[in-house]
């Protein structure tokens, strides 16, 4: 699964980390779905991966 952090890094000047509200875009064949999570980034990414697998997404983009 491809995880793209570049938009977040460009916007914030650092890699995503810590605790907060996290937004992800889950993509498959040009169709995108939003996914939101409140908590630690590691937990958020794990939840986004589970959600991506359940909807058949192949890409995850961390939103700024």
N, C-alpha and C. Protein backbone atom coordinates (compact mmCIF):
# COMPACT_ATOMS: atom_id res chain seq x y z
N UNK A 1 0.85 -1.17 0.00
CA UNK A 1 0.00 0.00 0.00
C UNK A 1 0.90 1.24 0.00
N UNK A 2 0.58 2.20 -0.84
CA UNK A 2 1.36 3.43 -0.97
C UNK A 2 0.85 4.47 0.01
N UNK A 3 1.75 5.02 0.84
CA UNK A 3 1.39 6.06 1.81
C UNK A 3 2.15 7.32 1.45
N UNK A 4 1.42 8.38 1.14
CA UNK A 4 2.01 9.64 0.70
C UNK A 4 1.87 10.69 1.80
N UNK A 5 3.00 11.15 2.33
CA UNK A 5 3.01 12.15 3.40
C UNK A 5 3.46 13.52 2.88
N UNK A 6 3.72 13.66 1.58
CA UNK A 6 4.33 14.87 1.04
C UNK A 6 3.48 16.12 1.21
N UNK A 7 2.16 16.03 1.06
CA UNK A 7 1.31 17.20 1.22
C UNK A 7 1.37 17.72 2.66
N UNK A 8 1.34 16.81 3.62
CA UNK A 8 1.44 17.20 5.03
C UNK A 8 2.79 17.83 5.30
N UNK A 9 3.85 17.18 4.83
CA UNK A 9 5.20 17.68 5.07
C UNK A 9 5.41 19.05 4.44
N UNK A 10 4.90 19.26 3.24
CA UNK A 10 5.03 20.56 2.57
C UNK A 10 4.28 21.64 3.36
N UNK A 11 3.10 21.32 3.84
CA UNK A 11 2.28 22.29 4.55
C UNK A 11 2.83 22.63 5.94
N UNK A 12 3.33 21.63 6.67
CA UNK A 12 3.74 21.82 8.06
C UNK A 12 5.26 21.87 8.25
N UNK A 13 6.02 21.53 7.23
CA UNK A 13 7.48 21.56 7.34
C UNK A 13 8.07 20.45 8.18
N UNK A 14 7.31 19.40 8.41
CA UNK A 14 7.78 18.25 9.18
C UNK A 14 6.92 17.04 8.83
N UNK A 15 7.41 15.88 9.21
CA UNK A 15 6.62 14.66 9.02
C UNK A 15 5.49 14.62 10.05
N UNK A 16 4.40 13.93 9.73
CA UNK A 16 3.29 13.83 10.68
C UNK A 16 3.69 13.02 11.91
N UNK A 17 3.33 13.53 13.07
CA UNK A 17 3.62 12.84 14.33
C UNK A 17 2.76 13.48 15.43
N UNK A 18 2.72 12.81 16.56
CA UNK A 18 2.01 13.36 17.70
C UNK A 18 0.53 13.02 17.70
N UNK A 19 -0.20 13.81 18.47
CA UNK A 19 -1.62 13.56 18.66
C UNK A 19 -2.43 14.71 18.10
N UNK A 20 -3.58 14.39 17.52
CA UNK A 20 -4.44 15.42 16.96
C UNK A 20 -5.55 14.81 16.14
N UNK A 21 -6.12 15.63 15.28
CA UNK A 21 -7.15 15.18 14.34
C UNK A 21 -6.47 14.95 13.00
N UNK A 22 -6.60 13.77 12.45
CA UNK A 22 -5.90 13.38 11.23
C UNK A 22 -6.90 13.11 10.13
N UNK A 23 -6.57 13.60 8.94
CA UNK A 23 -7.41 13.37 7.76
C UNK A 23 -6.59 12.61 6.73
N UNK A 24 -7.22 11.64 6.12
CA UNK A 24 -6.59 10.82 5.09
C UNK A 24 -7.51 10.75 3.87
N UNK A 25 -6.91 10.62 2.72
CA UNK A 25 -7.64 10.31 1.50
C UNK A 25 -7.23 8.90 1.11
N UNK A 26 -8.20 8.04 0.89
CA UNK A 26 -7.96 6.66 0.50
C UNK A 26 -8.34 6.53 -0.96
N UNK A 27 -7.39 6.09 -1.78
CA UNK A 27 -7.64 6.08 -3.22
C UNK A 27 -7.54 4.71 -3.87
N UNK A 28 -8.37 4.56 -4.90
CA UNK A 28 -8.37 3.33 -5.70
C UNK A 28 -8.88 3.67 -7.10
N UNK A 29 -8.04 3.50 -8.09
CA UNK A 29 -8.42 3.73 -9.49
C UNK A 29 -9.03 5.10 -9.73
N UNK A 30 -8.47 6.13 -9.13
CA UNK A 30 -8.96 7.49 -9.34
C UNK A 30 -10.13 7.90 -8.48
N UNK A 31 -10.69 6.99 -7.70
CA UNK A 31 -11.79 7.32 -6.79
C UNK A 31 -11.21 7.49 -5.39
N UNK A 32 -11.60 8.57 -4.71
CA UNK A 32 -11.05 8.88 -3.40
C UNK A 32 -12.14 8.94 -2.34
N UNK A 33 -11.80 8.49 -1.13
CA UNK A 33 -12.69 8.51 0.01
C UNK A 33 -11.96 9.17 1.17
N UNK A 34 -12.66 10.00 1.94
CA UNK A 34 -12.05 10.62 3.12
C UNK A 34 -12.16 9.70 4.32
N UNK A 35 -11.15 9.80 5.19
CA UNK A 35 -11.16 9.07 6.46
C UNK A 35 -10.57 9.99 7.52
N UNK A 36 -11.25 10.12 8.66
CA UNK A 36 -10.82 10.99 9.76
C UNK A 36 -10.57 10.15 10.99
N UNK A 37 -9.60 10.61 11.81
CA UNK A 37 -9.28 9.90 13.05
C UNK A 37 -8.75 10.91 14.06
N UNK A 38 -9.17 10.80 15.31
CA UNK A 38 -8.65 11.63 16.40
C UNK A 38 -7.79 10.76 17.30
N UNK A 39 -6.55 11.19 17.54
CA UNK A 39 -5.65 10.43 18.40
C UNK A 39 -4.22 10.54 17.92
N UNK A 40 -3.41 9.58 18.30
CA UNK A 40 -2.00 9.56 17.92
C UNK A 40 -1.85 9.19 16.45
N UNK A 41 -0.82 9.74 15.79
CA UNK A 41 -0.65 9.50 14.36
C UNK A 41 -0.47 8.01 14.05
N UNK A 42 0.30 7.31 14.87
CA UNK A 42 0.51 5.88 14.63
C UNK A 42 -0.80 5.10 14.64
N UNK A 43 -1.66 5.42 15.60
CA UNK A 43 -2.96 4.77 15.69
C UNK A 43 -3.83 5.17 14.49
N UNK A 44 -3.74 6.45 14.11
CA UNK A 44 -4.52 6.94 12.98
C UNK A 44 -4.12 6.26 11.69
N UNK A 45 -2.81 6.10 11.47
CA UNK A 45 -2.34 5.45 10.26
C UNK A 45 -2.75 3.98 10.22
N UNK A 46 -2.67 3.32 11.36
CA UNK A 46 -3.09 1.91 11.42
C UNK A 46 -4.58 1.79 11.09
N UNK A 47 -5.39 2.69 11.63
CA UNK A 47 -6.83 2.67 11.34
C UNK A 47 -7.09 2.99 9.88
N UNK A 48 -6.33 3.93 9.31
CA UNK A 48 -6.49 4.27 7.89
C UNK A 48 -6.13 3.08 7.00
N UNK A 49 -5.11 2.33 7.38
CA UNK A 49 -4.72 1.14 6.61
C UNK A 49 -5.83 0.09 6.65
N UNK A 50 -6.41 -0.12 7.84
CA UNK A 50 -7.51 -1.09 7.96
C UNK A 50 -8.69 -0.66 7.10
N UNK A 51 -9.03 0.64 7.15
CA UNK A 51 -10.15 1.15 6.36
C UNK A 51 -9.84 1.04 4.87
N UNK A 52 -8.61 1.34 4.49
CA UNK A 52 -8.22 1.25 3.07
C UNK A 52 -8.36 -0.19 2.57
N UNK A 53 -7.92 -1.15 3.37
CA UNK A 53 -8.07 -2.55 2.97
C UNK A 53 -9.54 -2.92 2.83
N UNK A 54 -10.38 -2.42 3.73
CA UNK A 54 -11.79 -2.79 3.70
C UNK A 54 -12.52 -2.21 2.48
N UNK A 55 -12.05 -1.07 1.96
CA UNK A 55 -12.69 -0.48 0.78
C UNK A 55 -11.92 -0.78 -0.50
N UNK A 56 -10.82 -1.52 -0.40
CA UNK A 56 -10.05 -1.89 -1.57
C UNK A 56 -9.14 -0.79 -2.09
N UNK A 57 -8.81 0.18 -1.24
CA UNK A 57 -7.94 1.29 -1.67
C UNK A 57 -6.48 0.81 -1.75
N UNK A 58 -5.73 1.42 -2.65
CA UNK A 58 -4.33 1.07 -2.81
C UNK A 58 -3.40 2.21 -2.42
N UNK A 59 -3.94 3.40 -2.17
CA UNK A 59 -3.14 4.56 -1.81
C UNK A 59 -3.76 5.29 -0.62
N UNK A 60 -2.88 5.81 0.24
CA UNK A 60 -3.30 6.63 1.37
C UNK A 60 -2.52 7.93 1.31
N UNK A 61 -3.23 9.06 1.37
CA UNK A 61 -2.58 10.37 1.38
C UNK A 61 -2.92 11.04 2.72
N UNK A 62 -1.87 11.43 3.46
CA UNK A 62 -2.06 12.16 4.72
C UNK A 62 -2.33 13.61 4.34
N UNK A 63 -3.48 14.11 4.74
CA UNK A 63 -3.88 15.48 4.39
C UNK A 63 -3.27 16.49 5.35
N UNK A 64 -3.00 17.72 4.86
CA UNK A 64 -2.42 18.76 5.73
C UNK A 64 -3.43 19.30 6.72
